[in-house]
Amino acid sequence: MIRRFFFSSLTLVLWAFPIESTLSDDTPETVTFNQHIAPILLEHCTPCHREGMSAPFQLLTYEDASRRAKQIKEVTESKYMPPWLPEPVDGGFKHERGLSDQQIRLIKSWLDTGSKEGDDTVRPSIPDWPGDWQLGEPDLVASMPNGYSLQAEGRDIYRNFVLKVPITKPLYVKELEFHPENASVVHHALIYIDSTRQSQRRDNADPKPGFGGMRVPMSAGMPEGQFLSWQPGKIYSTSDNSIPWMLQPGTDLVIQVHMNPTGKVEDFSCSVGLHFTETPPSSIPYKIKLTSLAIDIPSETSFYRVKDSMQLPVDVQLTRILPHAHYLCKRMEGYAIFPDGIKKRLILIKNWDFNWQGDYIYETPIKLPKGTVLHMDYTYDNSTENLANPHSPPKKVTYGPESSDEMAELWFQFILNSLEDRKKIKETVRLKNKQVLIQFGQSALGSETNDPDLLLITAQAHLATGDQQAAFRAFSRVVRLDPKRFNAWFNMGTMLRSSGQDDAAKQAFGNVIRIDPNDAEAYGSLGIIFQEEGKLEPAEKCFRAALRLNPTDQIAANALLQILEKRRDQVNEP
């Protein structure tokens, strides 16, 4: 069972051995709610702890706070609340939620001296919270057409909701704001764009709103260089210097929402507010990640380390950073080694909490010169001592997308100096990703696994090294273990066609279509084989199906045109 909210053994220590009140010189003798505590709560806590937001109770009034004074003291002393994971870095992050040591001492003193209310006349006014939209009324709002009913009990739910965007011309998006109607059930949300309708077809095939799982179609992704996400307490601000990105007509927004059952059936719906600009981006964003796929953590292992690094081929400015792992991760560090050997910490999280992940914006972009080496260093605890361990008793955990699996990712958002620099760093990332695949393929995990997901990565690793036969064997193992893995069938079809085994390739592509009748690429590939065989009628049917599913498929459009011209010529022959 996953233990989401808990008070650590520190709670017992605090109760059994009260800490002696040692106030610093800057802590007043009499601490009152109205003068000292209310300003702290209103600034750092009430963005979530108010009606309609994600927290389970409000902290707006003296009555709200006094009945939970002991709890507030404990969670602030342990720095469990407000939820802010990173340690301080040079220059700092924007929108930091953490409390200063002085603020923590004030809360402790308030409880220790009787939790007095104080003079009403010095109590700050409750802020005039923004309405539904922090950034003001959007230029366009995309909303779910129907609400989703979240079950009362059971495991967390990952649901992908597809929102249509009714625009008729390309527009630059300056700001995007996610707005959940029932924020209390939302752990986090990721926002993707999909111009192919593949996500919409997945939605249409599911009788409920959206479609389930952590996997979105390959066609869905975030705009290049962008972090589009939401977590409880997310602050949207025009001061974040967001970089505009192009939204094309016919593009859907795909909102992947991680929801927590609350013990009762909950209704959920969401909207996305879009703010447009006529000004194109003046800078070039680009994001990369450090990662490892060769994660294989034995049970009862309390210290497991995952590292990765990459050397920058060009000068960059680092604007944001986003760490990601699941429940077993304990400590995260990201740092840079400059060409002169100097180390600079970019992020340090001493106590990772999966429930409060997010991206972090630097107050001032960090200049990283060419030759700088970026490093990721994560540690994991798969023992019974890890209260966040989703497995009881602990069991072996490997790489995977589900929250009960593990991951190690550290994302960086850069500003580049030129399009030429983008070409250089893109090639570096391509080679880096290839090496990550090869390392996985060389690991025991890659060679011994019977997990279809890991076998797909193993096949990609073999393709990265040019070992076509080993890749085909891995794809074949995937479909033996799970015959519905259409992506494995598709890759097998492509490899069979390239080796001249057209009949077997047609069977493989046919399997893809039987599993997913909305796979435009499979129809297109099957059509090409029929066309090469001179079978124009089935080829035409396949190309028409491909274009119906993906009207932007230029290969299918050209092939269909060739068939129609050939038939016209045949009709006109004397």
Protein backbone atom coordinates (compact mmCIF):
# COMPACT_ATOMS: atom_id res chain seq x y z
CA MET A 1 0.00 0.00 0.00
CA ILE A 2 1.30 3.48 -0.82
CA ARG A 3 1.54 5.68 2.24
CA ARG A 4 0.80 9.16 0.91
CA PHE A 5 0.51 11.36 3.98
CA PHE A 6 2.24 10.42 7.17
CA PHE A 7 3.86 11.84 10.24
CA SER A 8 7.34 10.44 10.62
CA SER A 9 8.90 9.08 13.77
CA LEU A 10 9.97 12.67 14.40
CA THR A 11 6.40 13.23 15.61
CA LEU A 12 6.87 10.77 18.45
CA VAL A 13 10.19 12.31 19.35
CA LEU A 14 8.66 15.78 19.52
CA TRP A 15 5.82 14.58 21.74
CA ALA A 16 7.99 12.53 24.05
CA PHE A 17 10.82 15.07 24.35
CA PRO A 18 9.51 18.60 23.81
CA ILE A 19 12.14 20.85 22.30
CA GLU A 20 13.21 23.59 24.67
CA SER A 21 12.10 26.99 23.47
CA THR A 22 15.26 28.71 22.30
CA LEU A 23 14.09 31.91 20.65
CA SER A 24 16.58 33.95 18.70
CA ASP A 25 17.01 37.66 19.27
CA ASP A 26 14.66 38.46 16.38
CA THR A 27 11.74 36.45 17.79
CA PRO A 28 9.36 38.60 19.89
CA GLU A 29 8.46 37.51 23.41
CA THR A 30 4.75 37.48 22.57
CA VAL A 31 3.79 35.95 19.25
CA THR A 32 0.17 36.35 18.14
CA PHE A 33 -1.80 35.00 15.24
CA ASN A 34 -2.99 38.34 13.91
CA GLN A 35 0.40 40.07 13.92
CA HIS A 36 2.87 37.27 13.20
CA ILE A 37 1.24 34.03 12.01
CA ALA A 38 -1.55 35.22 9.70
CA PRO A 39 0.89 36.94 7.28
CA ILE A 40 2.87 33.69 6.99
CA LEU A 41 -0.21 31.53 6.37
CA LEU A 42 -1.77 33.95 3.89
CA GLU A 43 1.40 34.14 1.80
CA HIS A 44 2.64 30.56 1.95
CA CYS A 45 -0.33 28.31 2.83
CA THR A 46 -3.66 29.71 1.71
CA PRO A 47 -2.95 29.45 -2.03
CA CYS A 48 -3.88 25.78 -1.44
CA HIS A 49 -5.61 25.90 1.96
CA ARG A 50 -8.79 27.71 0.92
CA GLU A 51 -12.14 26.80 -0.54
CA GLY A 52 -12.04 25.11 -3.93
CA MET A 53 -8.33 24.43 -3.88
CA SER A 54 -6.37 21.21 -3.44
CA ALA A 55 -5.79 21.14 0.34
CA PRO A 56 -8.29 19.25 2.55
CA PHE A 57 -8.93 22.16 4.97
CA GLN A 58 -8.75 25.95 5.11
CA LEU A 59 -6.24 28.13 6.99
CA LEU A 60 -7.82 31.54 6.53
CA THR A 61 -8.86 32.43 10.09
CA TYR A 62 -7.61 32.21 13.65
CA GLU A 63 -10.14 29.45 14.30
CA ASP A 64 -8.85 27.47 11.30
CA ALA A 65 -5.24 27.70 12.47
CA SER A 66 -5.63 27.36 16.23
CA ARG A 67 -7.43 24.02 16.02
CA ARG A 68 -4.48 22.67 14.01
CA ALA A 69 -1.67 24.55 15.73
CA LYS A 70 0.24 21.43 16.82
CA GLN A 71 0.02 19.93 13.36
CA ILE A 72 1.15 23.19 11.76
CA LYS A 73 4.14 23.37 14.10
CA GLU A 74 5.19 19.81 13.35
CA VAL A 75 4.91 19.91 9.58
CA THR A 76 6.67 23.28 9.34
CA GLU A 77 9.52 22.24 11.67
CA SER A 78 10.05 19.08 9.63
CA LYS A 79 9.70 21.20 6.45
CA TYR A 80 7.07 18.79 5.15
CA MET A 81 4.89 21.86 4.68
CA PRO A 82 4.70 24.12 2.79
CA PRO A 83 5.67 21.61 0.10
CA TRP A 84 8.97 22.85 -1.33
CA LEU A 85 11.53 20.18 -2.14
CA PRO A 86 14.72 21.91 -3.37
CA GLU A 87 17.46 23.17 -1.10
CA PRO A 88 18.55 26.79 -1.69
CA VAL A 89 20.72 27.44 -4.76
CA ASP A 90 22.70 30.50 -5.78
CA GLY A 91 20.31 33.05 -7.20
CA GLY A 92 17.25 31.15 -6.00
CA PHE A 93 14.10 29.89 -7.67
CA LYS A 94 10.97 31.86 -8.46
CA HIS A 95 7.80 31.24 -6.43
CA GLU A 96 9.61 29.50 -3.55
CA ARG A 97 7.07 28.21 -1.04
CA GLY A 98 9.45 27.23 1.74
CA LEU A 99 9.51 29.07 5.06
CA SER A 100 12.54 30.84 6.47
CA ASP A 101 14.04 29.64 9.76
CA GLN A 102 12.66 32.78 11.42
CA GLN A 103 9.12 32.04 10.20
CA ILE A 104 9.37 28.47 11.50
CA ARG A 105 10.54 29.80 14.89
CA LEU A 106 7.59 32.19 15.01
CA ILE A 107 5.12 29.34 14.47
CA LYS A 108 6.82 27.26 17.18
CA SER A 109 6.80 30.18 19.61
CA TRP A 110 3.12 30.87 18.88
CA LEU A 111 2.17 27.34 19.89
CA ASP A 112 4.55 27.22 22.87
CA THR A 113 3.16 30.48 24.29
CA GLY A 114 -0.51 29.55 24.08
CA SER A 115 -1.53 30.23 20.47
CA LYS A 116 -2.83 33.72 21.24
CA GLU A 117 -5.06 35.49 18.72
CA GLY A 118 -3.88 39.05 19.35
CA ASP A 119 -5.16 42.44 18.26
CA ASP A 120 -7.73 42.29 15.45
CA THR A 121 -6.65 45.66 14.10
CA VAL A 122 -3.22 44.38 13.00
CA ARG A 123 -4.50 41.28 11.23
CA PRO A 124 -3.89 41.50 7.46
CA SER A 125 -6.86 41.33 5.16
CA ILE A 126 -7.56 38.11 3.32
CA PRO A 127 -6.18 38.60 -0.19
CA ASP A 128 -8.46 39.33 -3.09
CA TRP A 129 -7.78 36.01 -4.76
CA PRO A 130 -7.83 35.98 -8.54
CA GLY A 131 -10.94 34.48 -10.09
CA ASP A 132 -10.86 31.29 -12.06
CA TRP A 133 -7.81 32.50 -13.99
CA GLN A 134 -4.60 33.72 -12.35
CA LEU A 135 -3.47 35.46 -15.54
CA GLY A 136 -6.81 37.14 -16.22
CA GLU A 137 -9.47 36.20 -18.74
CA PRO A 138 -7.92 34.01 -21.48
CA ASP A 139 -8.25 34.71 -25.17
CA LEU A 140 -9.63 31.19 -25.64
CA VAL A 141 -10.81 28.50 -23.24
CA ALA A 142 -10.72 24.81 -24.20
CA SER A 143 -12.85 22.61 -21.94
CA MET A 144 -13.84 18.99 -21.47
CA PRO A 145 -17.18 18.41 -23.20
CA ASN A 146 -18.28 16.01 -20.44
CA GLY A 147 -17.23 15.48 -16.84
CA TYR A 148 -15.44 12.39 -15.56
CA SER A 149 -16.59 10.42 -12.51
CA LEU A 150 -13.65 9.45 -10.29
CA GLN A 151 -14.17 6.22 -8.34
CA ALA A 152 -14.34 6.45 -4.56
CA GLU A 153 -11.71 3.84 -3.71
CA GLY A 154 -8.78 2.05 -5.24
CA ARG A 155 -5.50 2.94 -6.87
CA ASP A 156 -4.56 6.29 -8.32
CA ILE A 157 -6.04 7.03 -11.72
CA TYR A 158 -4.16 8.34 -14.74
CA ARG A 159 -6.64 9.73 -17.26
CA ASN A 160 -5.99 11.56 -20.53
CA PHE A 161 -8.60 14.09 -21.59
CA VAL A 162 -8.61 15.44 -25.15
CA LEU A 163 -9.67 19.07 -25.58
CA LYS A 164 -10.45 20.52 -28.99
CA VAL A 165 -9.02 23.96 -29.79
CA PRO A 166 -11.30 25.83 -32.24
CA ILE A 167 -8.82 28.00 -34.15
CA THR A 168 -8.68 28.57 -37.90
CA LYS A 169 -5.15 29.93 -38.30
CA PRO A 170 -1.77 29.37 -36.65
CA LEU A 171 -1.41 31.33 -33.40
CA TYR A 172 1.42 31.96 -30.96
CA VAL A 173 0.59 30.86 -27.42
CA LYS A 174 2.19 33.19 -24.86
CA GLU A 175 0.67 31.63 -21.73
CA LEU A 176 -1.24 28.43 -20.96
CA GLU A 177 -3.13 28.02 -17.69
CA PHE A 178 -4.65 24.73 -16.50
CA HIS A 179 -7.80 25.06 -14.42
CA PRO A 180 -9.27 21.96 -12.68
CA GLU A 181 -12.83 22.31 -11.43
CA ASN A 182 -12.14 19.94 -8.52
CA ALA A 183 -8.50 20.56 -7.64
CA SER A 184 -8.70 18.47 -4.46
CA VAL A 185 -8.51 15.20 -6.44
CA VAL A 186 -5.62 16.22 -8.71
CA HIS A 187 -2.09 15.14 -7.89
CA HIS A 188 -0.60 16.71 -11.02
CA ALA A 189 -1.33 17.25 -14.70
CA LEU A 190 0.78 17.24 -17.87
CA ILE A 191 -0.34 19.08 -21.00
CA TYR A 192 0.55 17.73 -24.45
CA ILE A 193 -0.41 18.75 -27.98
CA ASP A 194 -1.40 16.33 -30.76
CA SER A 195 -1.94 17.43 -34.36
CA THR A 196 -2.76 13.95 -35.72
CA ARG A 197 -6.07 13.09 -34.03
CA GLN A 198 -4.47 9.91 -32.68
CA SER A 199 -5.32 10.95 -29.11
CA GLN A 200 -8.86 11.86 -30.15
CA ARG A 201 -9.32 8.39 -31.63
CA ARG A 202 -8.11 6.83 -28.37
CA ASP A 203 -10.67 8.97 -26.57
CA ASN A 204 -13.46 7.98 -28.97
CA ALA A 205 -12.68 4.28 -28.48
CA ASP A 206 -13.17 4.58 -24.71
CA PRO A 207 -16.80 4.77 -23.49
CA LYS A 208 -15.81 7.14 -20.67
CA PRO A 209 -14.40 10.66 -21.14
CA GLY A 210 -10.73 10.47 -22.07
CA PHE A 211 -8.60 7.33 -22.09
CA GLY A 212 -6.63 5.66 -19.33
CA GLY A 213 -2.97 5.04 -18.59
CA MET A 214 0.32 6.88 -18.44
CA ARG A 215 1.09 6.28 -22.12
CA VAL A 216 -0.09 8.82 -24.66
CA PRO A 217 0.30 8.26 -28.42
CA MET A 218 3.72 8.93 -29.91
CA SER A 219 2.14 11.84 -31.79
CA ALA A 220 1.40 13.66 -28.52
CA GLY A 221 4.15 15.74 -26.98
CA MET A 222 4.95 19.10 -25.47
CA PRO A 223 6.02 21.92 -27.79
CA GLU A 224 9.78 21.98 -28.31
CA GLY A 225 11.57 23.38 -25.30
CA GLN A 226 8.41 23.79 -23.19
CA PHE A 227 7.40 22.49 -19.75
CA LEU A 228 3.59 22.38 -19.59
CA SER A 229 2.49 20.99 -16.23
CA TRP A 230 0.37 21.74 -13.18
CA GLN A 231 0.77 20.82 -9.53
CA PRO A 232 -1.20 21.95 -6.43
CA GLY A 233 -0.08 25.46 -5.57
CA LYS A 234 1.09 26.17 -9.11
CA ILE A 235 1.65 29.87 -9.62
CA TYR A 236 1.16 31.33 -13.08
CA SER A 237 2.82 34.69 -13.56
CA THR A 238 3.52 37.00 -16.48
CA SER A 239 6.94 37.58 -14.87
CA ASP A 240 8.05 34.04 -15.76
CA ASN A 241 9.24 35.20 -19.19
CA SER A 242 7.44 32.40 -20.99
CA ILE A 243 8.51 31.80 -24.59
CA PRO A 244 5.67 31.78 -27.15
CA TRP A 245 5.06 28.61 -29.16
CA MET A 246 3.07 27.95 -32.31
CA LEU A 247 -0.34 26.26 -32.13
CA GLN A 248 -1.63 24.99 -35.48
CA PRO A 249 -5.31 24.58 -36.45
CA GLY A 250 -6.58 21.05 -35.90
CA THR A 251 -4.31 20.49 -32.90
CA ASP A 252 -5.80 18.95 -29.77
CA LEU A 253 -4.70 19.52 -26.20
CA VAL A 254 -4.16 16.25 -24.32
CA ILE A 255 -4.35 16.67 -20.55
CA GLN A 256 -2.91 13.76 -18.59
CA VAL A 257 -4.30 14.02 -15.05
CA HIS A 258 -3.07 11.98 -12.09
CA MET A 259 -6.04 11.75 -9.69
CA ASN A 260 -6.34 10.40 -6.15
CA PRO A 261 -9.57 8.70 -4.97
CA THR A 262 -10.89 10.46 -1.85
CA GLY A 263 -13.25 7.87 -0.36
CA LYS A 264 -16.29 9.16 -2.22
CA VAL A 265 -17.22 9.43 -5.87
CA GLU A 266 -15.94 12.76 -7.23
CA ASP A 267 -16.87 14.66 -10.37
CA PHE A 268 -13.94 16.05 -12.32
CA SER A 269 -13.64 18.39 -15.26
CA CYS A 270 -10.99 20.82 -16.41
CA SER A 271 -10.32 23.68 -18.77
CA VAL A 272 -7.23 25.23 -20.30
CA GLY A 273 -6.97 28.97 -20.82
CA LEU A 274 -4.84 30.14 -23.73
CA HIS A 275 -3.34 33.62 -24.05
CA PHE A 276 -2.17 34.48 -27.55
CA THR A 277 0.34 36.99 -28.86
CA GLU A 278 1.18 38.28 -32.31
CA THR A 279 4.84 38.50 -31.35
CA PRO A 280 6.87 35.45 -32.39
CA PRO A 281 9.45 34.06 -29.99
CA SER A 282 12.63 36.12 -29.78
CA SER A 283 14.64 33.30 -28.23
CA ILE A 284 15.19 29.63 -29.00
CA PRO A 285 14.09 27.22 -26.24
CA TYR A 286 15.37 23.67 -26.10
CA LYS A 287 15.08 20.98 -23.47
CA ILE A 288 17.13 17.89 -22.78
CA LYS A 289 17.09 15.20 -20.13
CA LEU A 290 19.61 13.13 -18.29
CA THR A 291 18.27 9.65 -17.62
CA SER A 292 18.95 5.97 -17.27
CA LEU A 293 16.82 3.02 -18.35
CA ALA A 294 19.01 0.41 -16.68
CA ILE A 295 17.29 0.70 -13.30
CA ASP A 296 17.15 -2.65 -11.51
CA ILE A 297 16.71 -2.27 -7.74
CA PRO A 298 16.77 -5.49 -5.67
CA SER A 299 14.35 -5.79 -2.77
CA GLU A 300 15.57 -4.64 0.65
CA THR A 301 18.27 -2.48 -0.95
CA SER A 302 18.44 0.75 1.04
CA PHE A 303 21.00 2.54 -1.17
CA TYR A 304 20.84 2.28 -4.95
CA ARG A 305 22.48 4.91 -7.12
CA VAL A 306 21.64 6.11 -10.64
CA LYS A 307 23.91 8.56 -12.45
CA ASP A 308 24.12 10.16 -15.88
CA SER A 309 25.98 13.03 -17.52
CA MET A 310 26.29 14.95 -20.78
CA GLN A 311 28.73 17.53 -22.11
CA LEU A 312 27.25 20.64 -23.69
CA PRO A 313 28.42 21.30 -27.27
CA VAL A 314 27.39 24.99 -27.20
CA ASP A 315 26.86 27.89 -24.81
CA VAL A 316 23.39 27.86 -23.20
CA GLN A 317 21.34 29.67 -20.59
CA LEU A 318 19.55 27.38 -18.14
CA THR A 319 16.08 28.73 -17.28
CA ARG A 320 14.19 25.81 -15.71
CA ILE A 321 14.86 22.39 -14.27
CA LEU A 322 12.49 19.46 -13.68
CA PRO A 323 13.50 16.33 -11.72
CA HIS A 324 11.39 13.18 -11.91
CA ALA A 325 11.38 9.79 -10.20
CA HIS A 326 8.82 7.63 -8.42
CA TYR A 327 8.30 6.50 -4.82
CA LEU A 328 11.64 4.79 -4.09
CA CYS A 329 13.81 7.81 -4.80
CA LYS A 330 15.21 9.53 -1.71
CA ARG A 331 17.82 12.06 -2.82
CA MET A 332 18.34 13.99 -6.06
CA GLU A 333 21.21 16.15 -7.15
CA GLY A 334 21.86 17.92 -10.42
CA TYR A 335 25.04 19.89 -10.93
CA ALA A 336 27.34 21.32 -13.58
CA ILE A 337 31.11 21.00 -13.88
CA PHE A 338 32.43 24.00 -15.79
CA PRO A 339 35.35 23.68 -18.23
CA ASP A 340 37.68 25.10 -15.54
CA GLY A 341 36.63 22.34 -13.12
CA ILE A 342 34.39 24.45 -10.88
CA LYS A 343 31.23 22.68 -9.67
CA LYS A 344 27.89 24.50 -9.52
CA ARG A 345 24.84 22.99 -7.88
CA LEU A 346 21.74 23.29 -10.04
CA ILE A 347 19.29 21.44 -7.79
CA LEU A 348 19.47 19.40 -4.59
CA ILE A 349 16.50 17.58 -3.07
CA LYS A 350 17.43 15.76 0.12
CA ASN A 351 13.99 14.21 0.69
CA TRP A 352 12.21 13.52 -2.58
CA ASP A 353 8.42 13.31 -2.41
CA PHE A 354 6.64 11.98 -5.50
CA ASN A 355 3.48 13.76 -4.41
CA TRP A 356 5.00 17.24 -4.73
CA GLN A 357 6.99 17.09 -7.95
CA GLY A 358 7.21 20.03 -10.31
CA ASP A 359 9.45 22.21 -12.41
CA TYR A 360 11.50 25.06 -10.97
CA ILE A 361 12.27 28.42 -12.59
CA TYR A 362 15.56 30.14 -11.81
CA GLU A 363 15.30 33.78 -10.72
CA THR A 364 18.11 34.56 -13.15
CA PRO A 365 19.07 32.24 -16.03
CA ILE A 366 22.33 30.39 -15.40
CA LYS A 367 24.97 30.73 -18.10
CA LEU A 368 26.59 27.39 -18.94
CA PRO A 369 29.49 27.63 -21.39
CA LYS A 370 30.37 25.14 -24.09
CA GLY A 371 32.20 22.16 -22.58
CA THR A 372 30.22 22.22 -19.33
CA VAL A 373 29.27 18.72 -18.15
CA LEU A 374 25.80 18.27 -16.66
CA HIS A 375 25.41 15.56 -14.01
CA MET A 376 22.47 13.70 -12.48
CA ASP A 377 22.98 11.73 -9.24
CA TYR A 378 19.93 10.02 -7.65
CA THR A 379 19.70 7.52 -4.80
CA TYR A 380 16.87 5.07 -4.06
CA ASP A 381 15.67 3.08 -1.06
CA ASN A 382 13.78 -0.17 -1.74
CA SER A 383 13.70 -1.35 1.86
CA THR A 384 10.93 -1.61 4.44
CA GLU A 385 12.39 1.51 6.08
CA ASN A 386 11.17 3.61 3.16
CA LEU A 387 7.63 4.51 4.22
CA ALA A 388 6.82 5.62 0.67
CA ASN A 389 7.65 2.18 -0.77
CA PRO A 390 4.57 1.11 -2.77
CA HIS A 391 5.37 -2.57 -2.24
CA SER A 392 4.84 -4.34 1.07
CA PRO A 393 6.90 -6.40 1.42
CA PRO A 394 9.47 -4.82 -0.91
CA LYS A 395 10.09 -6.51 -4.24
CA LYS A 396 12.49 -6.03 -7.11
CA VAL A 397 11.71 -2.82 -9.01
CA THR A 398 12.88 -1.97 -12.52
CA TYR A 399 12.54 0.91 -14.95
CA GLY A 400 9.00 1.58 -16.14
CA PRO A 401 6.35 4.28 -16.60
CA GLU A 402 3.93 3.14 -13.88
CA SER A 403 4.28 4.74 -10.46
CA SER A 404 5.05 1.33 -8.93
CA ASP A 405 8.04 1.09 -11.31
CA GLU A 406 10.96 3.52 -11.15
CA MET A 407 12.43 6.24 -13.31
CA ALA A 408 15.34 8.67 -13.16
CA GLU A 409 15.02 11.85 -15.19
CA LEU A 410 16.42 15.35 -14.89
CA TRP A 411 15.08 17.78 -17.49
CA PHE A 412 16.73 21.08 -18.40
CA GLN A 413 15.20 23.97 -20.33
CA PHE A 414 17.78 26.05 -22.18
CA ILE A 415 17.82 29.22 -24.21
CA LEU A 416 20.09 28.79 -27.22
CA ASN A 417 21.97 31.48 -29.12
CA SER A 418 21.26 30.39 -32.70
CA LEU A 419 19.58 27.83 -34.93
CA GLU A 420 23.04 26.46 -35.69
CA ASP A 421 23.49 25.79 -31.98
CA ARG A 422 20.17 23.94 -31.99
CA LYS A 423 21.47 21.64 -34.73
CA LYS A 424 24.60 20.92 -32.70
CA ILE A 425 22.83 20.19 -29.42
CA LYS A 426 20.15 18.15 -31.20
CA GLU A 427 22.84 15.90 -32.65
CA THR A 428 24.51 15.59 -29.25
CA VAL A 429 21.18 14.59 -27.69
CA ARG A 430 20.56 12.05 -30.47
CA LEU A 431 23.89 10.37 -29.79
CA LYS A 432 23.28 10.58 -26.04
CA ASN A 433 19.89 8.89 -26.34
CA LYS A 434 21.44 6.19 -28.49
CA GLN A 435 24.04 5.56 -25.79
CA VAL A 436 21.33 5.33 -23.12
CA LEU A 437 19.62 2.62 -25.19
CA ILE A 438 22.88 0.75 -25.72
CA GLN A 439 23.66 0.82 -22.00
CA PHE A 440 20.25 -0.65 -21.28
CA GLY A 441 20.75 -3.36 -23.89
CA GLN A 442 24.11 -4.30 -22.36
CA SER A 443 22.65 -4.58 -18.86
CA ALA A 444 21.33 -7.81 -17.36
CA LEU A 445 17.92 -6.17 -17.27
CA GLY A 446 17.92 -5.76 -21.04
CA SER A 447 19.06 -9.31 -21.81
CA GLU A 448 17.08 -11.30 -19.24
CA THR A 449 13.73 -9.53 -18.94
CA ASN A 450 10.38 -11.02 -19.89
CA ASP A 451 8.56 -7.73 -19.41
CA PRO A 452 7.05 -6.59 -22.76
CA ASP A 453 7.74 -2.92 -22.02
CA LEU A 454 11.39 -3.58 -21.24
CA LEU A 455 11.69 -5.90 -24.23
CA LEU A 456 10.55 -3.07 -26.49
CA ILE A 457 13.40 -0.96 -25.11
CA THR A 458 15.76 -3.91 -25.60
CA ALA A 459 14.72 -4.09 -29.25
CA GLN A 460 15.38 -0.37 -29.66
CA ALA A 461 18.78 -0.87 -28.05
CA HIS A 462 19.64 -3.55 -30.62
CA LEU A 463 18.49 -1.25 -33.42
CA ALA A 464 20.78 1.45 -32.01
CA THR A 465 23.75 -0.90 -32.39
CA GLY A 466 22.63 -2.05 -35.84
CA ASP A 467 21.84 -5.61 -34.74
CA GLN A 468 18.67 -6.14 -36.78
CA GLN A 469 18.37 -9.85 -36.01
CA ALA A 470 18.56 -9.35 -32.25
CA ALA A 471 16.01 -6.53 -32.50
CA PHE A 472 13.62 -8.74 -34.48
CA ARG A 473 13.98 -11.52 -31.90
CA ALA A 474 13.13 -9.06 -29.13
CA PHE A 475 10.05 -7.77 -30.97
CA SER A 476 9.00 -11.38 -31.58
CA ARG A 477 9.26 -12.12 -27.86
CA VAL A 478 7.08 -9.09 -27.16
CA VAL A 479 4.20 -10.33 -29.33
CA ARG A 480 4.49 -13.85 -27.94
CA LEU A 481 4.11 -12.44 -24.43
CA ASP A 482 1.45 -9.91 -25.42
CA PRO A 483 -0.05 -10.41 -28.92
CA LYS A 484 -1.80 -7.02 -28.73
CA ARG A 485 1.43 -4.99 -28.76
CA PHE A 486 0.75 -3.26 -32.07
CA ASN A 487 3.98 -1.24 -31.92
CA ALA A 488 6.02 -4.46 -31.91
CA TRP A 489 4.00 -5.83 -34.83
CA PHE A 490 4.54 -2.58 -36.74
CA ASN A 491 8.31 -2.67 -36.24
CA MET A 492 8.39 -6.32 -37.29
CA GLY A 493 6.42 -5.44 -40.42
CA THR A 494 8.87 -2.68 -41.28
CA MET A 495 11.86 -4.98 -40.80
CA LEU A 496 10.26 -7.81 -42.80
CA ARG A 497 9.45 -5.45 -45.67
CA SER A 498 13.02 -4.10 -45.75
CA SER A 499 14.31 -7.67 -46.03
CA GLY A 500 11.97 -8.52 -48.92
CA GLN A 501 9.55 -10.72 -46.94
CA ASP A 502 6.44 -8.95 -48.17
CA ASP A 503 3.88 -11.64 -47.31
CA ALA A 504 5.05 -11.79 -43.70
CA ALA A 505 5.18 -7.98 -43.59
CA LYS A 506 1.57 -7.75 -44.80
CA GLN A 507 0.53 -10.14 -42.06
CA ALA A 508 2.32 -8.03 -39.44
CA PHE A 509 0.74 -4.77 -40.63
CA GLY A 510 -2.62 -6.54 -40.80
CA ASN A 511 -2.21 -7.51 -37.15
CA VAL A 512 -1.61 -3.86 -36.29
CA ILE A 513 -4.83 -2.83 -38.02
CA ARG A 514 -6.83 -5.59 -36.33
CA ILE A 515 -5.55 -4.42 -32.94
CA ASP A 516 -5.90 -0.70 -33.70
CA PRO A 517 -8.14 0.08 -36.70
CA ASN A 518 -7.12 3.74 -36.37
CA ASP A 519 -3.42 3.23 -37.12
CA ALA A 520 -2.83 5.37 -40.20
CA GLU A 521 0.81 4.35 -40.57
CA ALA A 522 -0.07 0.65 -40.76
CA TYR A 523 -2.59 1.33 -43.55
CA GLY A 524 0.02 3.39 -45.38
CA SER A 525 2.73 0.73 -45.06
CA LEU A 526 0.34 -2.00 -46.19
CA GLY A 527 -0.70 0.16 -49.14
CA ILE A 528 2.91 0.60 -50.26
CA ILE A 529 3.41 -3.18 -50.39
CA PHE A 530 0.22 -3.67 -52.44
CA GLN A 531 1.29 -0.85 -54.76
CA GLU A 532 4.72 -2.40 -55.31
CA GLU A 533 3.00 -5.71 -56.10
CA GLY A 534 0.84 -3.97 -58.70
CA LYS A 535 -2.34 -4.60 -56.71
CA LEU A 536 -3.84 -1.15 -57.18
CA GLU A 537 -7.32 -1.75 -55.77
CA PRO A 538 -6.25 -2.88 -52.25
CA ALA A 539 -3.46 -0.28 -52.34
CA GLU A 540 -6.00 2.48 -53.05
CA LYS A 541 -8.22 1.31 -50.19
CA CYS A 542 -5.27 1.37 -47.78
CA PHE A 543 -4.12 4.85 -48.83
CA ARG A 544 -7.65 6.23 -48.58
CA ALA A 545 -7.95 4.75 -45.08
CA ALA A 546 -4.59 6.28 -44.11
CA LEU A 547 -5.69 9.72 -45.33
CA ARG A 548 -9.05 9.45 -43.61
CA LEU A 549 -7.23 8.86 -40.34
CA ASN A 550 -4.41 11.33 -40.98
CA PRO A 551 -5.17 13.90 -43.70
CA THR A 552 -1.63 15.31 -43.39
CA ASP A 553 0.01 12.04 -44.55
CA GLN A 554 1.81 13.34 -47.64
CA ILE A 555 3.29 9.94 -48.55
CA ALA A 556 -0.17 8.35 -48.70
CA ALA A 557 -1.53 11.34 -50.63
CA ASN A 558 1.22 11.14 -53.27
CA ALA A 559 0.86 7.36 -53.58
CA LEU A 560 -2.91 7.65 -54.02
CA LEU A 561 -2.38 10.31 -56.69
CA GLN A 562 0.01 7.99 -58.55
CA ILE A 563 -2.57 5.18 -58.49
CA LEU A 564 -5.35 7.44 -59.76
CA GLU A 565 -3.15 8.77 -62.57
CA LYS A 566 -2.14 5.25 -63.56
CA ARG A 567 -5.76 4.15 -63.68
CA ARG A 568 -6.67 7.19 -65.76
CA ASP A 569 -3.87 6.40 -68.19
CA GLN A 570 -5.09 2.80 -68.43
CA VAL A 571 -8.61 4.00 -69.26
CA ASN A 572 -7.29 6.35 -71.95
CA GLU A 573 -5.13 3.72 -73.63
CA PRO A 574 -6.40 2.86 -77.19
